[in-house]
Amino acid sequence: MAETDVSATPFSGRTAWTRSLETPLRAFLRTETGSAAVLLAGALAALVWANVDYASYERVWTTTLSIRIGGSGISQDVRGWIDTGLMSFFFFVIGLEARREFDLGELRERRRVALPLLAGVGGMVVPIAIYLAFNAGHPDAHGWGTAMSTDTAFALGLLALVGRNVPARLRAYLLTVSVVDDIVALLVIAIAYSGHISVVPLIVGIAFFSAILLVRAADIHWGPIYFLLGLCVWVAFFKGGIDPVVAGLLGGVIALAYPAQRSDLERASDLFRVFREQPTGDLARTARAAVKGAVSPNERLQALWHPWTSYAIVPLFALANAGVNLSGSFLAHAFTSRVTLGILLGYVLGKPIGIAGSTWLATRLMRGRARPPVGWASVAGGGTIAGIGFTVSLLIASLAFHGVDLQEAKVGVLSAALVAATLTWLLFGATSHLPRRLRIRALLGTPDLIVDLAEPVDPERDHIRGTVDAPVTVLEYGDFECP
């Protein structure tokens, strides 16, 4: 069969690549993109509030709240409850998406894992190295984790604004890299930024988590029991000195993701048909349970919690943590401090160098057996937009710094987000002015060869719609039986 190289044609690769994007991934990307505006509004509201009346801003978020049962309980300020409590649901969703990627997404195939894995690691190692270069030998060096993580929601949302014509595959690739990024960032929180470890509560937490695994193995699908056991794990980790958001990630990672089975779909369809014939309450519950059971726990939990975390929890976190008093004297001091410069340059330079450089190096070492699903301009743009490290960066900053150092770290994170978005806009703006074929190659890359028809289209014999030399030929077969 003849082979045609369509790498330079206007529609090359777009049909083949976008066709493989799964519906759950599209839904995830839409939610992340849409929630970026709410997150941005929360951050701006925090900045305005902190600069109008910083005392009231701090007074609200440092108000102490306690939950007690008998003589035992947990006492934190409001900001602490948001950072360790509500953000556990955020990391739960990250765990769900990570599991879905490993079960159904890009990370399920070893051949496809290498590039996003190396890009994610490179996108963390280089920023950390830049931060440590500024803070080596200084007590602030322990805040290196602040400069490593990408905010997926913010990055995807701003990418939709500043790079309107970027390939959809870039968003999928960036999401896959961010999954690796988030998992490593949470491991860093658990290992490097947890307090004094108490062995007994930690053992209790592990025991409760083992109970969750046993309940799952018993094929029990009653949600409240999982929530209660997960809450026990959270409390045990909190008492044991481990940042309790780790409990959220662990809960998400164990939620299985799988495509709907034909037998389950047929059973749900049969029960619904029976319900249509006899619309009783019992049959309604049975049909609803069958339809629900046909969808994997991972998909059901994402549909339930992802909108809540994206549109409520993360914006509330931004409101509670992004406030910093931006006086002229403080900014002048901040932009000369080791902490601010280390974070700012770590994100603005380290992320694109780490992601694009690691992707290029892996492609060369594998001699073309693995390559990014988009062009190098898109890879570079993904690297620059990954310099937005808002949510997890602020969370780690609150664990690593206090006082003036924390305020300087916030300035570094916020400044890096602004500069990263600007660089991405300039990059894709410059790419849009390239000649058409070169622009397509830069954004989409060179796709695999497409196998053409064994016999070319014959205008004298075949029924044709459109031009004969179109870059893509769609062949429609007809089966006609004459009497």
Protein backbone atom coordinates (compact mmCIF):
# COMPACT_ATOMS: atom_id res chain seq x y z
CA MET A 1 0.00 0.00 0.00
CA ALA A 2 1.22 3.47 -0.77
CA GLU A 3 2.26 5.83 2.01
CA THR A 4 1.82 9.56 1.89
CA ASP A 5 3.73 11.99 4.09
CA VAL A 6 1.19 14.54 5.20
CA SER A 7 3.32 16.21 7.80
CA ALA A 8 3.07 19.59 6.17
CA THR A 9 -0.56 19.59 5.17
CA PRO A 10 -3.01 21.91 6.91
CA PHE A 11 -4.96 19.18 8.68
CA SER A 12 -2.10 16.77 9.28
CA GLY A 13 -2.34 14.99 12.58
CA ARG A 14 -5.23 17.06 13.91
CA THR A 15 -7.84 14.46 12.99
CA ALA A 16 -5.76 11.51 14.17
CA TRP A 17 -4.63 13.16 17.39
CA THR A 18 -7.84 14.81 18.55
CA ARG A 19 -9.81 11.68 17.77
CA SER A 20 -7.99 9.87 20.58
CA LEU A 21 -9.00 12.39 23.24
CA GLU A 22 -11.45 10.71 25.56
CA THR A 23 -14.68 12.31 26.72
CA PRO A 24 -13.71 12.26 30.45
CA LEU A 25 -10.49 14.07 29.60
CA ARG A 26 -12.38 16.72 27.64
CA ALA A 27 -14.73 17.20 30.59
CA PHE A 28 -11.78 17.50 32.96
CA LEU A 29 -10.10 20.09 30.76
CA ARG A 30 -13.31 22.11 30.42
CA THR A 31 -13.76 22.23 34.20
CA GLU A 32 -10.13 23.18 34.82
CA THR A 33 -10.26 25.88 32.15
CA GLY A 34 -13.56 27.32 33.32
CA SER A 35 -12.54 27.40 36.97
CA ALA A 36 -9.43 29.47 36.25
CA ALA A 37 -11.54 32.63 36.09
CA VAL A 38 -13.01 31.91 39.53
CA LEU A 39 -9.55 31.16 40.90
CA LEU A 40 -8.20 34.40 39.43
CA ALA A 41 -11.11 36.31 40.97
CA GLY A 42 -10.32 34.79 44.36
CA ALA A 43 -6.66 35.76 44.11
CA LEU A 44 -7.47 39.32 43.03
CA ALA A 45 -10.04 39.67 45.82
CA ALA A 46 -7.40 38.55 48.33
CA LEU A 47 -4.91 41.13 47.03
CA VAL A 48 -7.46 43.94 47.10
CA TRP A 49 -8.65 43.01 50.58
CA ALA A 50 -5.11 42.71 51.96
CA ASN A 51 -4.10 46.09 50.55
CA VAL A 52 -7.24 47.89 51.72
CA ASP A 53 -7.28 46.49 55.26
CA TYR A 54 -4.57 43.92 55.94
CA ALA A 55 -5.44 43.74 59.63
CA SER A 56 -9.01 42.60 58.96
CA TYR A 57 -7.78 40.17 56.29
CA GLU A 58 -5.46 38.45 58.76
CA ARG A 59 -7.98 38.66 61.58
CA VAL A 60 -10.57 36.68 59.62
CA TRP A 61 -8.24 33.91 58.49
CA THR A 62 -6.41 33.54 61.82
CA THR A 63 -9.61 33.11 63.84
CA THR A 64 -9.31 29.84 65.77
CA LEU A 65 -11.84 27.06 65.22
CA SER A 66 -11.89 23.88 67.31
CA ILE A 67 -13.67 20.56 66.93
CA ARG A 68 -13.78 18.52 70.13
CA ILE A 69 -15.26 15.21 71.21
CA GLY A 70 -14.87 14.81 74.94
CA GLY A 71 -11.33 15.66 75.95
CA SER A 72 -9.85 15.22 72.46
CA GLY A 73 -10.07 17.51 69.49
CA ILE A 74 -8.36 19.51 66.77
CA SER A 75 -7.81 23.25 66.93
CA GLN A 76 -6.66 25.34 63.95
CA ASP A 77 -7.23 28.78 62.53
CA VAL A 78 -9.59 29.18 59.58
CA ARG A 79 -6.71 29.27 57.11
CA GLY A 80 -5.36 26.03 58.55
CA TRP A 81 -8.72 24.29 58.17
CA ILE A 82 -8.81 25.36 54.52
CA ASP A 83 -5.19 24.36 53.85
CA THR A 84 -5.32 20.95 55.53
CA GLY A 85 -9.05 20.18 55.49
CA LEU A 86 -10.73 21.44 52.35
CA MET A 87 -7.56 21.06 50.28
CA SER A 88 -7.63 17.34 51.07
CA PHE A 89 -10.57 17.15 48.65
CA PHE A 90 -8.46 18.97 46.05
CA PHE A 91 -5.72 16.36 46.38
CA PHE A 92 -8.37 13.65 46.36
CA VAL A 93 -9.38 14.83 42.88
CA ILE A 94 -5.71 14.89 41.85
CA GLY A 95 -5.45 11.28 43.01
CA LEU A 96 -8.55 10.37 41.02
CA GLU A 97 -7.14 11.93 37.86
CA ALA A 98 -3.76 10.26 38.42
CA ARG A 99 -5.45 6.86 38.73
CA ARG A 100 -7.53 7.51 35.62
CA GLU A 101 -4.41 8.43 33.68
CA PHE A 102 -2.68 5.22 34.78
CA ASP A 103 -5.73 3.04 34.05
CA LEU A 104 -7.19 4.63 30.92
CA GLY A 105 -5.10 7.63 29.89
CA GLU A 106 -1.67 8.47 28.55
CA LEU A 107 0.19 6.80 31.42
CA ARG A 108 -1.25 3.31 30.88
CA GLU A 109 1.30 2.49 28.17
CA ARG A 110 4.96 2.30 29.13
CA ARG A 111 5.97 3.77 25.78
CA ARG A 112 3.87 6.86 26.43
CA VAL A 113 4.86 7.25 30.08
CA ALA A 114 8.49 8.13 29.41
CA LEU A 115 8.03 11.58 27.87
CA PRO A 116 5.53 13.11 30.31
CA LEU A 117 7.35 11.49 33.22
CA LEU A 118 10.71 12.92 32.20
CA ALA A 119 9.15 16.27 31.31
CA GLY A 120 7.46 16.42 34.71
CA VAL A 121 10.65 15.52 36.56
CA GLY A 122 12.74 17.94 34.50
CA GLY A 123 10.16 20.65 35.07
CA MET A 124 10.70 20.24 38.81
CA VAL A 125 14.43 19.58 39.06
CA VAL A 126 15.56 22.65 37.09
CA PRO A 127 13.41 25.17 39.05
CA ILE A 128 14.60 23.64 42.32
CA ALA A 129 18.21 23.94 41.16
CA ILE A 130 17.70 27.60 40.28
CA TYR A 131 16.08 28.29 43.65
CA LEU A 132 18.92 26.56 45.50
CA ALA A 133 21.47 28.50 43.45
CA PHE A 134 20.05 31.70 44.96
CA ASN A 135 19.64 30.33 48.48
CA ALA A 136 22.52 27.86 48.91
CA GLY A 137 23.98 28.05 52.40
CA HIS A 138 21.10 30.23 53.59
CA PRO A 139 18.29 29.14 55.98
CA ASP A 140 15.73 29.94 53.26
CA ALA A 141 17.11 27.06 51.18
CA HIS A 142 14.62 24.75 52.93
CA GLY A 143 11.82 26.43 50.94
CA TRP A 144 12.95 24.80 47.67
CA GLY A 145 9.61 22.97 47.32
CA THR A 146 7.82 26.27 46.71
CA ALA A 147 9.39 26.56 43.24
CA MET A 148 8.49 23.16 41.80
CA SER A 149 4.75 22.63 41.26
CA THR A 150 2.41 23.75 38.45
CA ASP A 151 -1.16 24.85 39.10
CA THR A 152 -3.09 22.79 36.54
CA ALA A 153 -6.34 24.79 36.71
CA PHE A 154 -4.66 28.17 36.43
CA ALA A 155 -2.26 27.01 33.71
CA LEU A 156 -4.96 25.44 31.53
CA GLY A 157 -7.30 28.38 32.04
CA LEU A 158 -4.76 31.01 31.09
CA LEU A 159 -3.54 28.82 28.23
CA ALA A 160 -7.07 28.99 26.80
CA LEU A 161 -6.93 32.79 27.04
CA VAL A 162 -3.40 33.56 25.83
CA GLY A 163 -3.11 30.71 23.34
CA ARG A 164 -6.52 30.38 21.72
CA ASN A 165 -5.29 28.39 18.72
CA VAL A 166 -3.04 25.93 20.54
CA PRO A 167 -3.65 22.24 19.79
CA ALA A 168 -6.01 20.43 22.14
CA ARG A 169 -3.31 17.78 22.43
CA LEU A 170 -1.05 20.27 24.21
CA ARG A 171 -3.61 20.65 26.98
CA ALA A 172 -3.76 16.86 27.34
CA TYR A 173 0.06 16.63 27.40
CA LEU A 174 0.31 19.44 29.96
CA LEU A 175 -2.33 17.73 32.09
CA THR A 176 -0.36 14.48 32.03
CA VAL A 177 2.83 16.30 33.02
CA SER A 178 0.93 18.05 35.81
CA VAL A 179 -0.30 14.73 37.21
CA VAL A 180 3.32 13.64 37.69
CA ASP A 181 4.11 17.10 39.05
CA ASP A 182 1.30 17.03 41.62
CA ILE A 183 2.09 13.53 42.89
CA VAL A 184 5.76 14.39 43.44
CA ALA A 185 4.80 17.70 45.08
CA LEU A 186 2.58 15.90 47.56
CA LEU A 187 5.34 13.42 48.35
CA VAL A 188 7.59 16.40 49.02
CA ILE A 189 4.98 17.85 51.39
CA ALA A 190 4.69 14.53 53.22
CA ILE A 191 8.44 13.95 53.51
CA ALA A 192 10.08 17.37 53.67
CA TYR A 193 7.44 19.63 55.21
CA SER A 194 5.63 17.47 57.74
CA GLY A 195 6.15 18.11 61.45
CA HIS A 196 7.48 15.78 64.12
CA ILE A 197 6.28 12.27 63.32
CA SER A 198 4.36 10.42 66.04
CA VAL A 199 4.54 6.70 65.42
CA VAL A 200 1.34 5.53 67.14
CA PRO A 201 -1.10 7.86 65.27
CA LEU A 202 0.72 7.05 62.03
CA ILE A 203 0.22 3.32 62.61
CA VAL A 204 -3.45 3.96 63.39
CA GLY A 205 -3.79 5.91 60.13
CA ILE A 206 -2.20 3.06 58.16
CA ALA A 207 -4.59 0.62 59.85
CA PHE A 208 -7.63 2.68 58.85
CA PHE A 209 -6.32 2.97 55.29
CA SER A 210 -5.88 -0.82 55.22
CA ALA A 211 -9.51 -1.07 56.33
CA ILE A 212 -10.50 1.03 53.30
CA LEU A 213 -8.65 -1.41 51.05
CA LEU A 214 -10.43 -4.35 52.69
CA VAL A 215 -13.83 -2.70 52.22
CA ARG A 216 -13.01 -2.09 48.56
CA ALA A 217 -11.85 -5.70 48.15
CA ALA A 218 -15.18 -6.84 49.61
CA ASP A 219 -16.88 -4.94 46.75
CA ILE A 220 -18.84 -2.69 49.12
CA HIS A 221 -20.09 0.44 47.36
CA TRP A 222 -21.64 2.35 50.26
CA GLY A 223 -20.09 5.81 50.16
CA PRO A 224 -20.50 6.86 53.83
CA ILE A 225 -18.29 4.04 55.10
CA TYR A 226 -15.45 5.17 52.82
CA PHE A 227 -15.92 8.77 53.94
CA LEU A 228 -15.88 7.79 57.63
CA LEU A 229 -12.76 5.64 57.28
CA GLY A 230 -11.08 8.36 55.20
CA LEU A 231 -11.89 10.91 57.91
CA CYS A 232 -10.24 8.62 60.46
CA VAL A 233 -7.13 8.42 58.26
CA TRP A 234 -7.12 12.23 57.99
CA VAL A 235 -7.33 12.70 61.78
CA ALA A 236 -4.66 10.06 62.42
CA PHE A 237 -2.26 11.67 59.93
CA PHE A 238 -2.93 15.09 61.45
CA LYS A 239 -2.18 13.79 64.94
CA GLY A 240 0.85 11.88 63.63
CA GLY A 241 2.54 14.95 62.16
CA ILE A 242 1.94 14.01 58.50
CA ASP A 243 0.24 16.70 56.44
CA PRO A 244 -3.30 15.28 56.25
CA VAL A 245 -3.79 16.26 52.60
CA VAL A 246 -1.81 13.07 51.89
CA ALA A 247 -4.91 11.16 52.98
CA GLY A 248 -6.85 12.81 50.17
CA LEU A 249 -4.36 11.75 47.52
CA LEU A 250 -4.27 8.16 48.82
CA GLY A 251 -8.05 7.99 48.73
CA GLY A 252 -8.15 9.16 45.13
CA VAL A 253 -5.39 6.84 43.92
CA ILE A 254 -7.21 3.69 45.06
CA ALA A 255 -10.45 4.57 43.20
CA LEU A 256 -10.51 2.26 40.18
CA ALA A 257 -11.09 3.62 36.67
CA TYR A 258 -12.31 1.33 33.90
CA PRO A 259 -14.53 1.54 30.83
CA ALA A 260 -18.15 0.52 31.20
CA GLN A 261 -18.63 -3.22 30.67
CA ARG A 262 -21.08 -4.37 28.02
CA SER A 263 -22.83 -6.70 30.47
CA ASP A 264 -23.38 -3.85 32.97
CA LEU A 265 -24.74 -1.58 30.24
CA GLU A 266 -27.12 -4.26 28.98
CA ARG A 267 -28.34 -4.96 32.52
CA ALA A 268 -28.93 -1.25 33.14
CA SER A 269 -30.75 -0.96 29.82
CA ASP A 270 -32.97 -3.96 30.61
CA LEU A 271 -33.85 -2.62 34.06
CA PHE A 272 -34.65 0.80 32.63
CA ARG A 273 -36.90 -0.84 30.04
CA VAL A 274 -38.73 -2.69 32.82
CA PHE A 275 -39.07 0.58 34.73
CA ARG A 276 -40.65 2.25 31.70
CA GLU A 277 -43.25 -0.50 31.62
CA GLN A 278 -43.81 -0.47 35.40
CA PRO A 279 -42.72 2.91 36.84
CA THR A 280 -42.64 1.98 40.54
CA GLY A 281 -40.38 3.34 43.25
CA ASP A 282 -38.55 0.04 43.76
CA LEU A 283 -37.84 -0.37 40.05
CA ALA A 284 -36.69 3.26 39.87
CA ARG A 285 -34.13 2.65 42.63
CA THR A 286 -33.00 -0.60 41.01
CA ALA A 287 -32.60 0.99 37.57
CA ARG A 288 -30.78 3.99 39.04
CA ALA A 289 -28.40 1.71 40.94
CA ALA A 290 -27.72 -0.32 37.79
CA VAL A 291 -26.96 2.80 35.72
CA LYS A 292 -24.72 4.12 38.49
CA GLY A 293 -22.95 0.79 38.84
CA ALA A 294 -22.09 0.70 35.14
CA VAL A 295 -19.78 3.70 35.63
CA SER A 296 -16.45 3.23 37.40
CA PRO A 297 -16.08 4.65 40.95
CA ASN A 298 -13.37 6.95 39.66
CA GLU A 299 -15.67 8.59 37.10
CA ARG A 300 -18.52 8.95 39.59
CA LEU A 301 -16.29 10.55 42.22
CA GLN A 302 -14.73 12.93 39.70
CA ALA A 303 -18.15 14.02 38.50
CA LEU A 304 -19.14 14.67 42.12
CA TRP A 305 -16.04 16.38 43.52
CA HIS A 306 -14.20 17.98 40.63
CA PRO A 307 -16.62 20.92 40.20
CA TRP A 308 -16.63 21.53 43.97
CA THR A 309 -12.85 21.64 44.23
CA SER A 310 -12.41 23.72 41.06
CA TYR A 311 -15.15 26.29 41.62
CA ALA A 312 -15.31 26.53 45.42
CA ILE A 313 -12.43 24.99 47.39
CA VAL A 314 -9.44 26.18 45.35
CA PRO A 315 -10.79 29.76 44.90
CA LEU A 316 -11.45 29.87 48.67
CA PHE A 317 -7.87 28.70 49.23
CA ALA A 318 -6.67 31.53 46.98
CA LEU A 319 -8.75 34.04 48.91
CA ALA A 320 -7.27 32.86 52.20
CA ASN A 321 -3.64 32.62 51.08
CA ALA A 322 -2.93 35.03 48.21
CA GLY A 323 -3.31 38.22 50.22
CA VAL A 324 -0.08 40.19 50.58
CA ASN A 325 0.41 43.88 51.36
CA LEU A 326 2.04 45.28 48.21
CA SER A 327 3.51 48.51 49.53
CA GLY A 328 6.24 50.16 47.49
CA SER A 329 8.94 49.65 50.11
CA PHE A 330 8.04 46.00 50.58
CA LEU A 331 8.07 45.29 46.83
CA ALA A 332 11.46 46.99 46.47
CA HIS A 333 12.79 44.73 49.21
CA ALA A 334 11.03 41.60 47.91
CA PHE A 335 12.43 41.82 44.39
CA THR A 336 15.96 41.87 45.77
CA SER A 337 15.43 38.98 48.21
CA ARG A 338 16.76 35.47 47.67
CA VAL A 339 13.35 33.90 48.20
CA THR A 340 11.44 36.01 45.67
CA LEU A 341 14.12 35.83 42.98
CA GLY A 342 14.64 32.10 43.48
CA ILE A 343 10.93 31.37 43.07
CA LEU A 344 10.39 33.85 40.24
CA LEU A 345 13.32 32.71 38.09
CA GLY A 346 12.78 29.09 39.06
CA TYR A 347 9.33 29.21 37.50
CA VAL A 348 9.93 31.63 34.62
CA LEU A 349 13.20 30.06 33.44
CA GLY A 350 13.31 26.67 35.13
CA LYS A 351 9.93 25.35 34.05
CA PRO A 352 10.29 25.91 30.27
CA ILE A 353 13.94 24.82 30.31
CA GLY A 354 13.11 21.74 32.36
CA ILE A 355 10.02 20.63 30.43
CA ALA A 356 11.17 21.45 26.90
CA GLY A 357 14.76 20.39 27.58
CA SER A 358 13.77 17.05 29.11
CA THR A 359 11.34 16.35 26.27
CA TRP A 360 14.00 17.14 23.66
CA LEU A 361 16.64 15.07 25.45
CA ALA A 362 14.32 12.08 25.81
CA THR A 363 13.36 12.30 22.13
CA ARG A 364 17.03 12.30 21.10
CA LEU A 365 18.01 9.46 23.44
CA MET A 366 15.10 7.33 22.21
CA ARG A 367 16.04 8.13 18.60
CA GLY A 368 12.53 9.14 17.62
CA ARG A 369 10.77 6.09 19.07
CA ALA A 370 8.95 8.47 21.41
CA ARG A 371 8.22 12.09 20.67
CA PRO A 372 5.85 14.76 21.96
CA PRO A 373 2.33 14.71 20.52
CA VAL A 374 2.67 18.35 19.44
CA GLY A 375 5.24 20.60 17.78
CA TRP A 376 8.16 22.17 19.58
CA ALA A 377 6.56 25.60 19.73
CA SER A 378 3.68 24.01 21.61
CA VAL A 379 6.09 22.18 23.92
CA ALA A 380 7.87 25.46 24.66
CA GLY A 381 4.53 27.17 25.27
CA GLY A 382 3.52 24.37 27.61
CA GLY A 383 6.78 24.93 29.48
CA THR A 384 6.22 28.66 29.88
CA ILE A 385 2.60 28.31 31.01
CA ALA A 386 3.73 25.64 33.50
CA GLY A 387 5.51 28.49 35.26
CA ILE A 388 2.19 29.23 36.93
CA GLY A 389 2.59 27.49 40.27
CA PHE A 390 -0.17 29.01 42.31
CA THR A 391 -2.10 26.56 44.49
CA VAL A 392 0.43 23.94 45.61
CA SER A 393 3.21 26.55 45.70
CA LEU A 394 1.29 28.72 48.15
CA LEU A 395 0.47 25.62 50.19
CA ILE A 396 4.15 24.63 50.43
CA ALA A 397 5.15 28.24 51.09
CA SER A 398 2.80 28.33 54.09
CA LEU A 399 4.56 25.24 55.44
CA ALA A 400 8.13 26.35 54.68
CA PHE A 401 8.07 30.07 55.54
CA HIS A 402 6.74 32.45 58.14
CA GLY A 403 6.53 36.20 58.53
CA VAL A 404 8.33 38.34 55.95
CA ASP A 405 9.77 35.30 54.17
CA LEU A 406 6.24 34.00 53.55
CA GLN A 407 5.16 37.36 52.10
CA GLU A 408 8.22 37.38 49.82
CA ALA A 409 7.43 33.84 48.68
CA LYS A 410 3.88 34.91 47.80
CA VAL A 411 5.25 37.81 45.74
CA GLY A 412 7.51 35.38 43.90
CA VAL A 413 4.66 32.97 43.13
CA LEU A 414 2.26 35.72 41.99
CA SER A 415 4.92 37.48 39.90
CA ALA A 416 5.93 34.22 38.26
CA ALA A 417 2.31 33.56 37.26
CA LEU A 418 2.04 36.99 35.64
CA VAL A 419 5.35 36.70 33.78
CA ALA A 420 4.66 33.10 32.69
CA ALA A 421 1.28 34.06 31.21
CA THR A 422 2.87 37.01 29.39
CA LEU A 423 5.68 34.88 27.94
CA THR A 424 3.19 32.28 26.74
CA TRP A 425 1.09 34.97 25.06
CA LEU A 426 4.17 36.38 23.32
CA LEU A 427 5.34 32.92 22.22
CA PHE A 428 2.06 31.87 20.64
CA GLY A 429 1.58 35.36 19.25
CA ALA A 430 4.94 35.13 17.48
CA THR A 431 4.10 31.62 16.24
CA SER A 432 0.85 32.87 14.71
CA HIS A 433 2.86 35.16 12.39
CA LEU A 434 4.90 32.32 10.90
CA PRO A 435 4.15 31.12 7.35
CA ARG A 436 1.19 28.76 7.34
CA ARG A 437 3.02 25.47 6.77
CA LEU A 438 5.76 26.35 9.22
CA ARG A 439 3.21 27.44 11.81
CA ILE A 440 1.33 24.15 11.51
CA ARG A 441 4.57 22.20 11.86
CA ALA A 442 5.59 24.27 14.90
CA LEU A 443 2.26 23.76 16.66
CA LEU A 444 1.32 20.23 15.60
CA GLY A 445 4.68 18.66 14.85
CA THR A 446 5.26 15.93 12.31
CA PRO A 447 2.68 13.16 12.63
CA ASP A 448 3.19 9.53 11.73
CA LEU A 449 2.83 8.52 8.12
CA ILE A 450 -0.76 7.86 7.14
CA VAL A 451 -1.36 4.74 5.08
CA ASP A 452 -3.21 5.73 1.92
CA LEU A 453 -5.46 3.74 -0.38
CA ALA A 454 -3.88 0.89 -2.32
CA GLU A 455 -5.47 2.37 -5.43
CA PRO A 456 -5.77 6.14 -5.76
CA VAL A 457 -9.12 7.84 -6.19
CA ASP A 458 -10.35 7.54 -9.78
CA PRO A 459 -12.50 10.54 -10.82
CA GLU A 460 -13.91 8.51 -13.73
CA ARG A 461 -15.11 5.66 -11.53
CA ASP A 462 -15.55 6.91 -7.96
CA HIS A 463 -18.20 9.28 -6.70
CA ILE A 464 -16.26 12.27 -5.34
CA ARG A 465 -17.26 15.22 -3.18
CA GLY A 466 -14.61 17.87 -2.77
CA THR A 467 -11.24 18.23 -4.47
CA VAL A 468 -9.27 15.19 -5.57
CA ASP A 469 -6.03 16.49 -4.00
CA ALA A 470 -7.54 17.17 -0.56
CA PRO A 471 -5.10 16.48 2.30
CA VAL A 472 -7.52 13.99 3.89
CA THR A 473 -9.58 11.42 2.00
CA VAL A 474 -12.63 9.89 3.68
CA LEU A 475 -13.74 6.66 2.04
CA GLU A 476 -17.37 5.62 2.44
CA TYR A 477 -18.31 2.06 1.57
CA GLY A 478 -21.76 1.11 0.35
CA ASP A 479 -23.28 -2.37 0.25
CA PHE A 480 -25.94 -2.61 -2.43
CA GLU A 481 -27.86 -5.79 -3.21
CA CYS A 482 -29.72 -5.79 -6.49
CA PRO A 483 -32.96 -7.87 -6.79
